[in-house]
Amino acid sequence: MEFQADLVAVSLTGSDELVHALYKLPMANESWNHSLGFAGTEWNQNRTAHDIFAAQTLFIDKLGQIIGNESYGHVPPIDRTNPADHRIFRKNFTQPPQMWCTHPANVDREENAKRHYVEGGSRCP
């Protein structure tokens, strides 16, 4: 079912856009958790975190600085000469987080999304 849902997303946004979203999810999740912690700290000190989404963006940037990776939170550039062959995910031996254990591996989802490549902004008939 997840593969089919991915193909619906691909038909609306394009193959690369789905893959890019999958790539950004772990970083978004990590920075969201930091943002929630920040908001909780502010609340405990009788202050308000006015824009938790802005805090999330700042945490993504800060985490990239901490780990010395300027491209953290950004997808790798696509080789525009043959975007259908461009891949982000590689097979590995690590397990997905428990909350995603029922989902296919991202490498398999990327292959599914690019089996019939759809350019961004175009729609399937």
PDB file of N, CA and C in Angstrom:
ATOM      1  N   MET A   1       0.822  -1.189   0.000  1.00  0.00           N
ATOM      2  CA  MET A   1       0.000   0.000   0.000  1.00  0.00           C
ATOM      3  C   MET A   1       0.872   1.262   0.000  1.00  0.00           C
ATOM      4  N   GLU A   2       2.013   1.181   0.686  1.00  0.00           N
ATOM      5  CA  GLU A   2       2.893   2.356   0.747  1.00  0.00           C
ATOM      6  C   GLU A   2       3.452   2.687  -0.632  1.00  0.00           C
ATOM      7  N   PHE A   3       3.801   1.655  -1.388  1.00  0.00           N
ATOM      8  CA  PHE A   3       4.305   1.893  -2.742  1.00  0.00           C
ATOM      9  C   PHE A   3       3.238   2.577  -3.594  1.00  0.00           C
ATOM     10  N   GLN A   4       2.001   2.143  -3.476  1.00  0.00           N
ATOM     11  CA  GLN A   4       0.914   2.757  -4.242  1.00  0.00           C
ATOM     12  C   GLN A   4       0.695   4.199  -3.816  1.00  0.00           C
ATOM     13  N   ALA A   5       0.727   4.447  -2.513  1.00  0.00           N
ATOM     14  CA  ALA A   5       0.585   5.820  -2.018  1.00  0.00           C
ATOM     15  C   ALA A   5       1.719   6.698  -2.557  1.00  0.00           C
ATOM     16  N   ASP A   6       2.922   6.149  -2.596  1.00  0.00           N
ATOM     17  CA  ASP A   6       4.055   6.903  -3.145  1.00  0.00           C
ATOM     18  C   ASP A   6       3.817   7.256  -4.611  1.00  0.00           C
ATOM     19  N   LEU A   7       3.262   6.325  -5.371  1.00  0.00           N
ATOM     20  CA  LEU A   7       3.022   6.595  -6.796  1.00  0.00           C
ATOM     21  C   LEU A   7       1.965   7.674  -6.987  1.00  0.00           C
ATOM     22  N   VAL A   8       1.000   7.747  -6.107  1.00  0.00           N
ATOM     23  CA  VAL A   8       0.017   8.842  -6.169  1.00  0.00           C
ATOM     24  C   VAL A   8       0.742  10.165  -5.934  1.00  0.00           C
ATOM     25  N   ALA A   9       1.615  10.208  -4.927  1.00  0.00           N
ATOM     26  CA  ALA A   9       2.384  11.431  -4.666  1.00  0.00           C
ATOM     27  C   ALA A   9       3.260  11.788  -5.859  1.00  0.00           C
ATOM     28  N   VAL A  10       3.900  10.797  -6.452  1.00  0.00           N
ATOM     29  CA  VAL A  10       4.746  11.028  -7.630  1.00  0.00           C
ATOM     30  C   VAL A  10       3.923  11.612  -8.770  1.00  0.00           C
ATOM     31  N   SER A  11       2.716  11.113  -8.959  1.00  0.00           N
ATOM     32  CA  SER A  11       1.879  11.601 -10.062  1.00  0.00           C
ATOM     33  C   SER A  11       1.516  13.079  -9.878  1.00  0.00           C
ATOM     34  N   LEU A  12       1.518  13.542  -8.629  1.00  0.00           N
ATOM     35  CA  LEU A  12       1.171  14.936  -8.352  1.00  0.00           C
ATOM     36  C   LEU A  12       2.375  15.856  -8.295  1.00  0.00           C
ATOM     37  N   THR A  13       3.502  15.348  -7.816  1.00  0.00           N
ATOM     38  CA  THR A  13       4.649  16.221  -7.569  1.00  0.00           C
ATOM     39  C   THR A  13       5.877  15.901  -8.392  1.00  0.00           C
ATOM     40  N   GLY A  14       6.015  14.662  -8.836  1.00  0.00           N
ATOM     41  CA  GLY A  14       7.204  14.223  -9.551  1.00  0.00           C
ATOM     42  C   GLY A  14       7.994  13.230  -8.717  1.00  0.00           C
ATOM     43  N   SER A  15       8.834  12.465  -9.390  1.00  0.00           N
ATOM     44  CA  SER A  15       9.594  11.403  -8.723  1.00  0.00           C
ATOM     45  C   SER A  15      10.584  11.943  -7.698  1.00  0.00           C
ATOM     46  N   ASP A  16      11.335  12.977  -8.078  1.00  0.00           N
ATOM     47  CA  ASP A  16      12.365  13.484  -7.177  1.00  0.00           C
ATOM     48  C   ASP A  16      11.791  14.126  -5.923  1.00  0.00           C
ATOM     49  N   GLU A  17      10.655  14.766  -6.039  1.00  0.00           N
ATOM     50  CA  GLU A  17      10.089  15.461  -4.892  1.00  0.00           C
ATOM     51  C   GLU A  17       9.734  14.490  -3.765  1.00  0.00           C
ATOM     52  N   LEU A  18       9.176  13.338  -4.104  1.00  0.00           N
ATOM     53  CA  LEU A  18       8.871  12.336  -3.087  1.00  0.00           C
ATOM     54  C   LEU A  18      10.161  11.855  -2.425  1.00  0.00           C
ATOM     55  N   VAL A  19      11.162  11.551  -3.217  1.00  0.00           N
ATOM     56  CA  VAL A  19      12.431  11.059  -2.689  1.00  0.00           C
ATOM     57  C   VAL A  19      13.076  12.115  -1.787  1.00  0.00           C
ATOM     58  N   HIS A  20      13.001  13.368  -2.201  1.00  0.00           N
ATOM     59  CA  HIS A  20      13.570  14.445  -1.388  1.00  0.00           C
ATOM     60  C   HIS A  20      12.850  14.560  -0.052  1.00  0.00           C
ATOM     61  N   ALA A  21      11.549  14.380  -0.049  1.00  0.00           N
ATOM     62  CA  ALA A  21      10.790  14.428   1.204  1.00  0.00           C
ATOM     63  C   ALA A  21      11.224  13.285   2.130  1.00  0.00           C
ATOM     64  N   LEU A  22      11.390  12.091   1.580  1.00  0.00           N
ATOM     65  CA  LEU A  22      11.857  10.955   2.382  1.00  0.00           C
ATOM     66  C   LEU A  22      13.237  11.230   2.957  1.00  0.00           C
ATOM     67  N   TYR A  23      14.088  11.867   2.180  1.00  0.00           N
ATOM     68  CA  TYR A  23      15.452  12.187   2.611  1.00  0.00           C
ATOM     69  C   TYR A  23      15.442  13.183   3.769  1.00  0.00           C
ATOM     70  N   LYS A  24      14.540  14.165   3.708  1.00  0.00           N
ATOM     71  CA  LYS A  24      14.493  15.219   4.725  1.00  0.00           C
ATOM     72  C   LYS A  24      13.791  14.793   6.014  1.00  0.00           C
ATOM     73  N   LEU A  25      13.000  13.749   5.968  1.00  0.00           N
ATOM     74  CA  LEU A  25      12.215  13.351   7.142  1.00  0.00           C
ATOM     75  C   LEU A  25      13.028  13.137   8.416  1.00  0.00           C
ATOM     76  N   PRO A  26      14.132  12.396   8.381  1.00  0.00           N
ATOM     77  CA  PRO A  26      14.875  12.206   9.640  1.00  0.00           C
ATOM     78  C   PRO A  26      15.388  13.524  10.224  1.00  0.00           C
ATOM     79  N   MET A  27      15.849  14.429   9.382  1.00  0.00           N
ATOM     80  CA  MET A  27      16.350  15.722   9.845  1.00  0.00           C
ATOM     81  C   MET A  27      15.214  16.572  10.402  1.00  0.00           C
ATOM     82  N   ALA A  28      14.077  16.525   9.727  1.00  0.00           N
ATOM     83  CA  ALA A  28      12.914  17.273  10.210  1.00  0.00           C
ATOM     84  C   ALA A  28      12.447  16.715  11.549  1.00  0.00           C
ATOM     85  N   ASN A  29      12.458  15.408  11.687  1.00  0.00           N
ATOM     86  CA  ASN A  29      12.041  14.775  12.931  1.00  0.00           C
ATOM     87  C   ASN A  29      12.981  15.143  14.079  1.00  0.00           C
ATOM     88  N   GLU A  30      14.285  15.071  13.833  1.00  0.00           N
ATOM     89  CA  GLU A  30      15.260  15.406  14.869  1.00  0.00           C
ATOM     90  C   GLU A  30      15.117  16.864  15.305  1.00  0.00           C
ATOM     91  N   SER A  31      15.016  17.768  14.340  1.00  0.00           N
ATOM     92  CA  SER A  31      14.899  19.188  14.686  1.00  0.00           C
ATOM     93  C   SER A  31      13.549  19.483  15.345  1.00  0.00           C
ATOM     94  N   TRP A  32      12.509  18.756  14.987  1.00  0.00           N
ATOM     95  CA  TRP A  32      11.206  18.933  15.631  1.00  0.00           C
ATOM     96  C   TRP A  32      11.295  18.542  17.107  1.00  0.00           C
ATOM     97  N   ASN A  33      11.969  17.437  17.387  1.00  0.00           N
ATOM     98  CA  ASN A  33      12.125  17.009  18.778  1.00  0.00           C
ATOM     99  C   ASN A  33      12.887  18.058  19.588  1.00  0.00           C
ATOM    100  N   HIS A  34      13.933  18.640  18.997  1.00  0.00           N
ATOM    101  CA  HIS A  34      14.662  19.710  19.679  1.00  0.00           C
ATOM    102  C   HIS A  34      13.755  20.923  19.887  1.00  0.00           C
ATOM    103  N   SER A  35      12.936  21.231  18.912  1.00  0.00           N
ATOM    104  CA  SER A  35      12.016  22.374  19.023  1.00  0.00           C
ATOM    105  C   SER A  35      10.995  22.158  20.136  1.00  0.00           C
ATOM    106  N   LEU A  36      10.486  20.943  20.242  1.00  0.00           N
ATOM    107  CA  LEU A  36       9.542  20.639  21.319  1.00  0.00           C
ATOM    108  C   LEU A  36      10.217  20.770  22.687  1.00  0.00           C
ATOM    109  N   GLY A  37      11.467  20.313  22.766  1.00  0.00           N
ATOM    110  CA  GLY A  37      12.212  20.463  24.007  1.00  0.00           C
ATOM    111  C   GLY A  37      12.416  21.923  24.369  1.00  0.00           C
ATOM    112  N   PHE A  38      12.744  22.723  23.354  1.00  0.00           N
ATOM    113  CA  PHE A  38      12.912  24.163  23.558  1.00  0.00           C
ATOM    114  C   PHE A  38      11.602  24.790  24.039  1.00  0.00           C
ATOM    115  N   ALA A  39      10.500  24.441  23.398  1.00  0.00           N
ATOM    116  CA  ALA A  39       9.194  24.997  23.789  1.00  0.00           C
ATOM    117  C   ALA A  39       8.840  24.582  25.219  1.00  0.00           C
ATOM    118  N   GLY A  40       9.157  23.353  25.579  1.00  0.00           N
ATOM    119  CA  GLY A  40       8.899  22.889  26.940  1.00  0.00           C
ATOM    120  C   GLY A  40       9.727  23.643  27.962  1.00  0.00           C
ATOM    121  N   THR A  41      10.983  23.888  27.644  1.00  0.00           N
ATOM    122  CA  THR A  41      11.845  24.664  28.533  1.00  0.00           C
ATOM    123  C   THR A  41      11.312  26.079  28.701  1.00  0.00           C
ATOM    124  N   GLU A  42      10.910  26.670  27.591  1.00  0.00           N
ATOM    125  CA  GLU A  42      10.342  28.022  27.659  1.00  0.00           C
ATOM    126  C   GLU A  42       9.081  28.027  28.526  1.00  0.00           C
ATOM    127  N   TRP A  43       8.230  27.049  28.350  1.00  0.00           N
ATOM    128  CA  TRP A  43       6.979  26.948  29.118  1.00  0.00           C
ATOM    129  C   TRP A  43       7.268  26.815  30.618  1.00  0.00           C
ATOM    130  N   ASN A  44       8.252  25.976  30.939  1.00  0.00           N
ATOM    131  CA  ASN A  44       8.618  25.768  32.347  1.00  0.00           C
ATOM    132  C   ASN A  44       9.178  27.039  32.993  1.00  0.00           C
ATOM    133  N   GLN A  45       9.671  27.948  32.172  1.00  0.00           N
ATOM    134  CA  GLN A  45      10.202  29.211  32.686  1.00  0.00           C
ATOM    135  C   GLN A  45       9.216  30.360  32.470  1.00  0.00           C
ATOM    136  N   ASN A  46       7.947  29.998  32.283  1.00  0.00           N
ATOM    137  CA  ASN A  46       6.858  30.968  32.099  1.00  0.00           C
ATOM    138  C   ASN A  46       7.084  31.901  30.912  1.00  0.00           C
ATOM    139  N   ARG A  47       7.693  31.355  29.872  1.00  0.00           N
ATOM    140  CA  ARG A  47       7.865  32.102  28.625  1.00  0.00           C
ATOM    141  C   ARG A  47       7.165  31.324  27.517  1.00  0.00           C
ATOM    142  N   THR A  48       6.922  32.013  26.420  1.00  0.00           N
ATOM    143  CA  THR A  48       6.234  31.389  25.294  1.00  0.00           C
ATOM    144  C   THR A  48       7.164  31.286  24.097  1.00  0.00           C
ATOM    145  N   ALA A  49       7.210  30.113  23.497  1.00  0.00           N
ATOM    146  CA  ALA A  49       7.902  29.937  22.212  1.00  0.00           C
ATOM    147  C   ALA A  49       6.885  30.336  21.147  1.00  0.00           C
ATOM    148  N   HIS A  50       7.073  31.491  20.550  1.00  0.00           N
ATOM    149  CA  HIS A  50       6.053  32.053  19.661  1.00  0.00           C
ATOM    150  C   HIS A  50       5.951  31.364  18.305  1.00  0.00           C
ATOM    151  N   ASP A  51       7.044  30.852  17.797  1.00  0.00           N
ATOM    152  CA  ASP A  51       7.003  30.232  16.470  1.00  0.00           C
ATOM    153  C   ASP A  51       7.872  28.981  16.481  1.00  0.00           C
ATOM    154  N   ILE A  52       7.266  27.863  16.821  1.00  0.00           N
ATOM    155  CA  ILE A  52       8.016  26.613  16.952  1.00  0.00           C
ATOM    156  C   ILE A  52       8.533  26.127  15.599  1.00  0.00           C
ATOM    157  N   PHE A  53       7.856  26.503  14.514  1.00  0.00           N
ATOM    158  CA  PHE A  53       8.318  26.096  13.185  1.00  0.00           C
ATOM    159  C   PHE A  53       9.576  26.861  12.787  1.00  0.00           C
ATOM    160  N   ALA A  54       9.663  28.118  13.183  1.00  0.00           N
ATOM    161  CA  ALA A  54      10.893  28.887  12.958  1.00  0.00           C
ATOM    162  C   ALA A  54      12.026  28.285  13.780  1.00  0.00           C
ATOM    163  N   ALA A  55      11.711  27.865  14.998  1.00  0.00           N
ATOM    164  CA  ALA A  55      12.719  27.215  15.844  1.00  0.00           C
ATOM    165  C   ALA A  55      13.203  25.930  15.182  1.00  0.00           C
ATOM    166  N   GLN A  56      12.297  25.189  14.574  1.00  0.00           N
ATOM    167  CA  GLN A  56      12.677  23.945  13.890  1.00  0.00           C
ATOM    168  C   GLN A  56      13.673  24.233  12.776  1.00  0.00           C
ATOM    169  N   THR A  57      13.425  25.269  11.997  1.00  0.00           N
ATOM    170  CA  THR A  57      14.343  25.642  10.918  1.00  0.00           C
ATOM    171  C   THR A  57      15.699  26.041  11.477  1.00  0.00           C
ATOM    172  N   LEU A  58      15.692  26.805  12.566  1.00  0.00           N
ATOM    173  CA  LEU A  58      16.950  27.202  13.198  1.00  0.00           C
ATOM    174  C   LEU A  58      17.712  25.986  13.725  1.00  0.00           C
ATOM    175  N   PHE A  59      16.989  25.018  14.284  1.00  0.00           N
ATOM    176  CA  PHE A  59      17.644  23.815  14.773  1.00  0.00           C
ATOM    177  C   PHE A  59      18.271  23.022  13.629  1.00  0.00           C
ATOM    178  N   ILE A  60      17.624  22.949  12.485  1.00  0.00           N
ATOM    179  CA  ILE A  60      18.214  22.251  11.337  1.00  0.00           C
ATOM    180  C   ILE A  60      19.530  22.920  10.967  1.00  0.00           C
ATOM    181  N   ASP A  61      19.531  24.250  10.866  1.00  0.00           N
ATOM    182  CA  ASP A  61      20.755  24.983  10.525  1.00  0.00           C
ATOM    183  C   ASP A  61      21.828  24.770  11.589  1.00  0.00           C
ATOM    184  N   LYS A  62      21.452  24.849  12.856  1.00  0.00           N
ATOM    185  CA  LYS A  62      22.409  24.705  13.957  1.00  0.00           C
ATOM    186  C   LYS A  62      22.995  23.301  14.000  1.00  0.00           C
ATOM    187  N   LEU A  63      22.153  22.293  13.796  1.00  0.00           N
ATOM    188  CA  LEU A  63      22.650  20.916  13.783  1.00  0.00           C
ATOM    189  C   LEU A  63      23.662  20.714  12.662  1.00  0.00           C
ATOM    190  N   GLY A  64      23.403  21.318  11.502  1.00  0.00           N
ATOM    191  CA  GLY A  64      24.362  21.255  10.398  1.00  0.00           C
ATOM    192  C   GLY A  64      25.693  21.875  10.779  1.00  0.00           C
ATOM    193  N   GLN A  65      25.666  22.993  11.491  1.00  0.00           N
ATOM    194  CA  GLN A  65      26.901  23.638  11.950  1.00  0.00           C
ATOM    195  C   GLN A  65      27.629  22.761  12.969  1.00  0.00           C
ATOM    196  N   ILE A  66      26.882  22.180  13.892  1.00  0.00           N
ATOM    197  CA  ILE A  66      27.481  21.356  14.945  1.00  0.00           C
ATOM    198  C   ILE A  66      28.212  20.162  14.358  1.00  0.00           C
ATOM    199  N   ILE A  67      27.586  19.514  13.378  1.00  0.00           N
ATOM    200  CA  ILE A  67      28.219  18.322  12.798  1.00  0.00           C
ATOM    201  C   ILE A  67      29.152  18.660  11.640  1.00  0.00           C
ATOM    202  N   GLY A  68      29.277  19.950  11.330  1.00  0.00           N
ATOM    203  CA  GLY A  68      30.196  20.379  10.273  1.00  0.00           C
ATOM    204  C   GLY A  68      29.739  19.993   8.880  1.00  0.00           C
ATOM    205  N   ASN A  69      28.429  20.040   8.664  1.00  0.00           N
ATOM    206  CA  ASN A  69      27.869  19.647   7.368  1.00  0.00           C
ATOM    207  C   ASN A  69      26.934  20.755   6.890  1.00  0.00           C
ATOM    208  N   GLU A  70      27.446  21.624   6.023  1.00  0.00           N
ATOM    209  CA  GLU A  70      26.645  22.745   5.522  1.00  0.00           C
ATOM    210  C   GLU A  70      25.411  22.295   4.754  1.00  0.00           C
ATOM    211  N   SER A  71      25.446  21.105   4.188  1.00  0.00           N
ATOM    212  CA  SER A  71      24.320  20.642   3.381  1.00  0.00           C
ATOM    213  C   SER A  71      23.281  19.878   4.204  1.00  0.00           C
ATOM    214  N   TYR A  72      23.486  19.793   5.528  1.00  0.00           N
ATOM    215  CA  TYR A  72      22.525  19.103   6.391  1.00  0.00           C
ATOM    216  C   TYR A  72      21.151  19.749   6.234  1.00  0.00           C
ATOM    217  N   GLY A  73      20.155  18.946   5.971  1.00  0.00           N
ATOM    218  CA  GLY A  73      18.800  19.450   5.781  1.00  0.00           C
ATOM    219  C   GLY A  73      18.480  19.793   4.342  1.00  0.00           C
ATOM    220  N   HIS A  74      19.457  19.649   3.465  1.00  0.00           N
ATOM    221  CA  HIS A  74      19.263  19.953   2.047  1.00  0.00           C
ATOM    222  C   HIS A  74      19.528  18.686   1.232  1.00  0.00           C
ATOM    223  N   VAL A  75      18.752  18.506   0.193  1.00  0.00           N
ATOM    224  CA  VAL A  75      18.940  17.310  -0.636  1.00  0.00           C
ATOM    225  C   VAL A  75      20.165  17.484  -1.527  1.00  0.00           C
ATOM    226  N   PRO A  76      20.837  16.378  -1.839  1.00  0.00           N
ATOM    227  CA  PRO A  76      21.971  16.461  -2.761  1.00  0.00           C
ATOM    228  C   PRO A  76      21.508  16.948  -4.133  1.00  0.00           C
ATOM    229  N   PRO A  77      22.361  17.685  -4.838  1.00  0.00           N
ATOM    230  CA  PRO A  77      21.966  18.168  -6.170  1.00  0.00           C
ATOM    231  C   PRO A  77      21.718  17.011  -7.134  1.00  0.00           C
ATOM    232  N   ILE A  78      20.785  17.240  -8.035  1.00  0.00           N
ATOM    233  CA  ILE A  78      20.420  16.230  -9.032  1.00  0.00           C
ATOM    234  C   ILE A  78      21.269  16.421 -10.274  1.00  0.00           C
ATOM    235  N   ASP A  79      21.738  15.314 -10.828  1.00  0.00           N
ATOM    236  CA  ASP A  79      22.423  15.353 -12.113  1.00  0.00           C
ATOM    237  C   ASP A  79      21.341  15.559 -13.172  1.00  0.00           C
ATOM    238  N   ARG A  80      21.249  16.765 -13.704  1.00  0.00           N
ATOM    239  CA  ARG A  80      20.175  17.116 -14.643  1.00  0.00           C
ATOM    240  C   ARG A  80      20.332  16.477 -16.021  1.00  0.00           C
ATOM    241  N   THR A  81      21.505  15.881 -16.298  1.00  0.00           N
ATOM    242  CA  THR A  81      21.659  15.240 -17.601  1.00  0.00           C
ATOM    243  C   THR A  81      20.828  13.962 -17.689  1.00  0.00           C
ATOM    244  N   ASN A  82      20.632  13.293 -16.547  1.00  0.00           N
ATOM    245  CA  ASN A  82      19.812  12.089 -16.529  1.00  0.00           C
ATOM    246  C   ASN A  82      19.179  11.934 -15.147  1.00  0.00           C
ATOM    247  N   PRO A  83      18.195  12.781 -14.824  1.00  0.00           N
ATOM    248  CA  PRO A  83      17.627  12.765 -13.475  1.00  0.00           C
ATOM    249  C   PRO A  83      16.930  11.454 -13.105  1.00  0.00           C
ATOM    250  N   ALA A  84      16.471  10.709 -14.076  1.00  0.00           N
ATOM    251  CA  ALA A  84      15.803   9.437 -13.778  1.00  0.00           C
ATOM    252  C   ALA A  84      16.770   8.423 -13.166  1.00  0.00           C
ATOM    253  N   ASP A  85      18.061   8.569 -13.435  1.00  0.00           N
ATOM    254  CA  ASP A  85      19.060   7.651 -12.885  1.00  0.00           C
ATOM    255  C   ASP A  85      19.678   8.144 -11.581  1.00  0.00           C
ATOM    256  N   HIS A  86      19.361   9.363 -11.177  1.00  0.00           N
ATOM    257  CA  HIS A  86      19.914   9.938  -9.941  1.00  0.00           C
ATOM    258  C   HIS A  86      19.324   9.225  -8.734  1.00  0.00           C
ATOM    259  N   ARG A  87      20.172   8.775  -7.817  1.00  0.00           N
ATOM    260  CA  ARG A  87      19.710   8.082  -6.602  1.00  0.00           C
ATOM    261  C   ARG A  87      20.329   8.738  -5.372  1.00  0.00           C
ATOM    262  N   ILE A  88      19.549   8.813  -4.326  1.00  0.00           N
ATOM    263  CA  ILE A  88      20.002   9.347  -3.042  1.00  0.00           C
ATOM    264  C   ILE A  88      20.268   8.217  -2.057  1.00  0.00           C
ATOM    265  N   PHE A  89      19.362   7.263  -1.984  1.00  0.00           N
ATOM    266  CA  PHE A  89      19.443   6.201  -0.986  1.00  0.00           C
ATOM    267  C   PHE A  89      20.271   5.029  -1.488  1.00  0.00           C
ATOM    268  N   ARG A  90      20.941   4.398  -0.547  1.00  0.00           N
ATOM    269  CA  ARG A  90      21.746   3.203  -0.821  1.00  0.00           C
ATOM    270  C   ARG A  90      21.253   2.094   0.093  1.00  0.00           C
ATOM    271  N   LYS A  91      21.433   0.874  -0.342  1.00  0.00           N
ATOM    272  CA  LYS A  91      21.104  -0.267   0.525  1.00  0.00           C
ATOM    273  C   LYS A  91      22.055  -0.241   1.715  1.00  0.00           C
ATOM    274  N   ASN A  92      21.509  -0.520   2.892  1.00  0.00           N
ATOM    275  CA  ASN A  92      22.360  -0.592   4.080  1.00  0.00           C
ATOM    276  C   ASN A  92      21.812  -1.651   5.027  1.00  0.00           C
ATOM    277  N   PHE A  93      22.534  -1.837   6.095  1.00  0.00           N
ATOM    278  CA  PHE A  93      22.168  -2.890   7.035  1.00  0.00           C
ATOM    279  C   PHE A  93      21.431  -2.359   8.257  1.00  0.00           C
ATOM    280  N   THR A  94      21.226  -1.070   8.334  1.00  0.00           N
ATOM    281  CA  THR A  94      20.556  -0.513   9.500  1.00  0.00           C
ATOM    282  C   THR A  94      19.050  -0.700   9.385  1.00  0.00           C
ATOM    283  N   GLN A  95      18.420  -0.755  10.513  1.00  0.00           N
ATOM    284  CA  GLN A  95      16.972  -0.893  10.569  1.00  0.00           C
ATOM    285  C   GLN A  95      16.335   0.492  10.626  1.00  0.00           C
ATOM    286  N   PRO A  96      15.161   0.657  10.029  1.00  0.00           N
ATOM    287  CA  PRO A  96      14.461   1.933  10.159  1.00  0.00           C
ATOM    288  C   PRO A  96      13.999   2.134  11.595  1.00  0.00           C
ATOM    289  N   PRO A  97      13.725   3.375  11.977  1.00  0.00           N
ATOM    290  CA  PRO A  97      13.182   3.602  13.320  1.00  0.00           C
ATOM    291  C   PRO A  97      11.910   2.771  13.515  1.00  0.00           C
ATOM    292  N   GLN A  98      11.639   2.401  14.739  1.00  0.00           N
ATOM    293  CA  GLN A  98      10.503   1.541  15.063  1.00  0.00           C
ATOM    294  C   GLN A  98       9.189   2.079  14.492  1.00  0.00           C
ATOM    295  N   MET A  99       9.006   3.415  14.531  1.00  0.00           N
ATOM    296  CA  MET A  99       7.742   3.981  14.050  1.00  0.00           C
ATOM    297  C   MET A  99       7.536   3.756  12.553  1.00  0.00           C
ATOM    298  N   TRP A 100       8.606   3.459  11.819  1.00  0.00           N
ATOM    299  CA  TRP A 100       8.505   3.243  10.374  1.00  0.00           C
ATOM    300  C   TRP A 100       8.728   1.778  10.004  1.00  0.00           C
ATOM    301  N   CYS A 101       8.721   0.880  10.976  1.00  0.00           N
ATOM    302  CA  CYS A 101       9.094  -0.507  10.701  1.00  0.00           C
ATOM    303  C   CYS A 101       8.146  -1.207   9.736  1.00  0.00           C
ATOM    304  N   THR A 102       6.943  -0.690   9.546  1.00  0.00           N
ATOM    305  CA  THR A 102       6.012  -1.315   8.606  1.00  0.00           C
ATOM    306  C   THR A 102       6.154  -0.749   7.197  1.00  0.00           C
ATOM    307  N   HIS A 103       7.006   0.248   7.025  1.00  0.00           N
ATOM    308  CA  HIS A 103       7.209   0.874   5.723  1.00  0.00           C
ATOM    309  C   HIS A 103       8.349   0.198   4.974  1.00  0.00           C
ATOM    310  N   PRO A 104       8.300   0.192   3.657  1.00  0.00           N
ATOM    311  CA  PRO A 104       9.436  -0.321   2.893  1.00  0.00           C
ATOM    312  C   PRO A 104      10.662   0.564   3.120  1.00  0.00           C
ATOM    313  N   ALA A 105      11.828   0.023   2.842  1.00  0.00           N
ATOM    314  CA  ALA A 105      13.068   0.797   2.947  1.00  0.00           C
ATOM    315  C   ALA A 105      13.033   1.953   1.942  1.00  0.00           C
ATOM    316  N   ASN A 106      13.660   3.057   2.307  1.00  0.00           N
ATOM    317  CA  ASN A 106      13.673   4.220   1.414  1.00  0.00           C
ATOM    318  C   ASN A 106      14.311   3.912   0.066  1.00  0.00           C
ATOM    319  N   VAL A 107      15.317   3.069   0.055  1.00  0.00           N
ATOM    320  CA  VAL A 107      15.949   2.719  -1.215  1.00  0.00           C
ATOM    321  C   VAL A 107      14.928   2.035  -2.137  1.00  0.00           C
ATOM    322  N   ASP A 108      14.063   1.199  -1.577  1.00  0.00           N
ATOM    323  CA  ASP A 108      13.029   0.529  -2.375  1.00  0.00           C
ATOM    324  C   ASP A 108      11.939   1.504  -2.804  1.00  0.00           C
ATOM    325  N   ARG A 109      11.626   2.459  -1.935  1.00  0.00           N
ATOM    326  CA  ARG A 109      10.619   3.470  -2.282  1.00  0.00           C
ATOM    327  C   ARG A 109      11.156   4.377  -3.397  1.00  0.00           C
ATOM    328  N   GLU A 110      12.449   4.677  -3.346  1.00  0.00           N
ATOM    329  CA  GLU A 110      13.039   5.498  -4.407  1.00  0.00           C
ATOM    330  C   GLU A 110      13.004   4.764  -5.744  1.00  0.00           C
ATOM    331  N   GLU A 111      13.338   3.487  -5.729  1.00  0.00           N
ATOM    332  CA  GLU A 111      13.279   2.702  -6.962  1.00  0.00           C
ATOM    333  C   GLU A 111      11.864   2.672  -7.515  1.00  0.00           C
ATOM    334  N   ASN A 112      10.881   2.503  -6.651  1.00  0.00           N
ATOM    335  CA  ASN A 112       9.484   2.493  -7.062  1.00  0.00           C
ATOM    336  C   ASN A 112       9.093   3.839  -7.671  1.00  0.00           C
ATOM    337  N   ALA A 113       9.523   4.932  -7.034  1.00  0.00           N
ATOM    338  CA  ALA A 113       9.165   6.275  -7.503  1.00  0.00           C
ATOM    339  C   ALA A 113       9.810   6.619  -8.835  1.00  0.00           C
ATOM    340  N   LYS A 114      10.942   5.974  -9.137  1.00  0.00           N
ATOM    341  CA  LYS A 114      11.655   6.313 -10.368  1.00  0.00           C
ATOM    342  C   LYS A 114      11.566   5.229 -11.435  1.00  0.00           C
ATOM    343  N   ARG A 115      10.812   4.181 -11.137  1.00  0.00           N
ATOM    344  CA  ARG A 115      10.638   3.114 -12.136  1.00  0.00           C
ATOM    345  C   ARG A 115      10.089   3.696 -13.436  1.00  0.00           C
ATOM    346  N   HIS A 116       9.109   4.568 -13.311  1.00  0.00           N
ATOM    347  CA  HIS A 116       8.573   5.342 -14.440  1.00  0.00           C
ATOM    348  C   HIS A 116       8.717   6.796 -14.037  1.00  0.00           C
ATOM    349  N   TYR A 117       9.859   7.377 -14.385  1.00  0.00           N
ATOM    350  CA  TYR A 117      10.230   8.705 -13.911  1.00  0.00           C
ATOM    351  C   TYR A 117       9.214   9.779 -14.344  1.00  0.00           C
ATOM    352  N   VAL A 118       8.824  10.617 -13.384  1.00  0.00           N
ATOM    353  CA  VAL A 118       7.916  11.732 -13.636  1.00  0.00           C
ATOM    354  C   VAL A 118       8.648  13.013 -13.246  1.00  0.00           C
ATOM    355  N   GLU A 119       8.804  13.921 -14.185  1.00  0.00           N
ATOM    356  CA  GLU A 119       9.449  15.200 -13.894  1.00  0.00           C
ATOM    357  C   GLU A 119       8.600  16.007 -12.935  1.00  0.00           C
ATOM    358  N   GLY A 120       9.249  16.803 -12.101  1.00  0.00           N
ATOM    359  CA  GLY A 120       8.537  17.660 -11.160  1.00  0.00           C
ATOM    360  C   GLY A 120       7.618  18.613 -11.875  1.00  0.00           C
ATOM    361  N   GLY A 121       6.450  18.808 -11.308  1.00  0.00           N
ATOM    362  CA  GLY A 121       5.479  19.724 -11.883  1.00  0.00           C
ATOM    363  C   GLY A 121       4.611  19.115 -12.970  1.00  0.00           C
ATOM    364  N   SER A 122       4.985  17.928 -13.469  1.00  0.00           N
ATOM    365  CA  SER A 122       4.146  17.290 -14.484  1.00  0.00           C
ATOM    366  C   SER A 122       3.188  16.315 -13.810  1.00  0.00           C
ATOM    367  N   ARG A 123       2.125  15.966 -14.500  1.00  0.00           N
ATOM    368  CA  ARG A 123       1.122  15.065 -13.944  1.00  0.00           C
ATOM    369  C   ARG A 123       0.947  13.879 -14.872  1.00  0.00           C
ATOM    370  N   CYS A 124       0.713  12.738 -14.255  1.00  0.00           N
ATOM    371  CA  CYS A 124       0.410  11.548 -15.061  1.00  0.00           C
ATOM    372  C   CYS A 124      -1.008  11.669 -15.593  1.00  0.00           C
ATOM    373  N   PRO A 125      -1.259  11.135 -16.773  1.00  0.00           N
ATOM    374  CA  PRO A 125      -2.630  11.197 -17.310  1.00  0.00           C
ATOM    375  C   PRO A 125      -3.589  10.334 -16.530  1.00  0.00           C
TER     376      PRO A 125
END
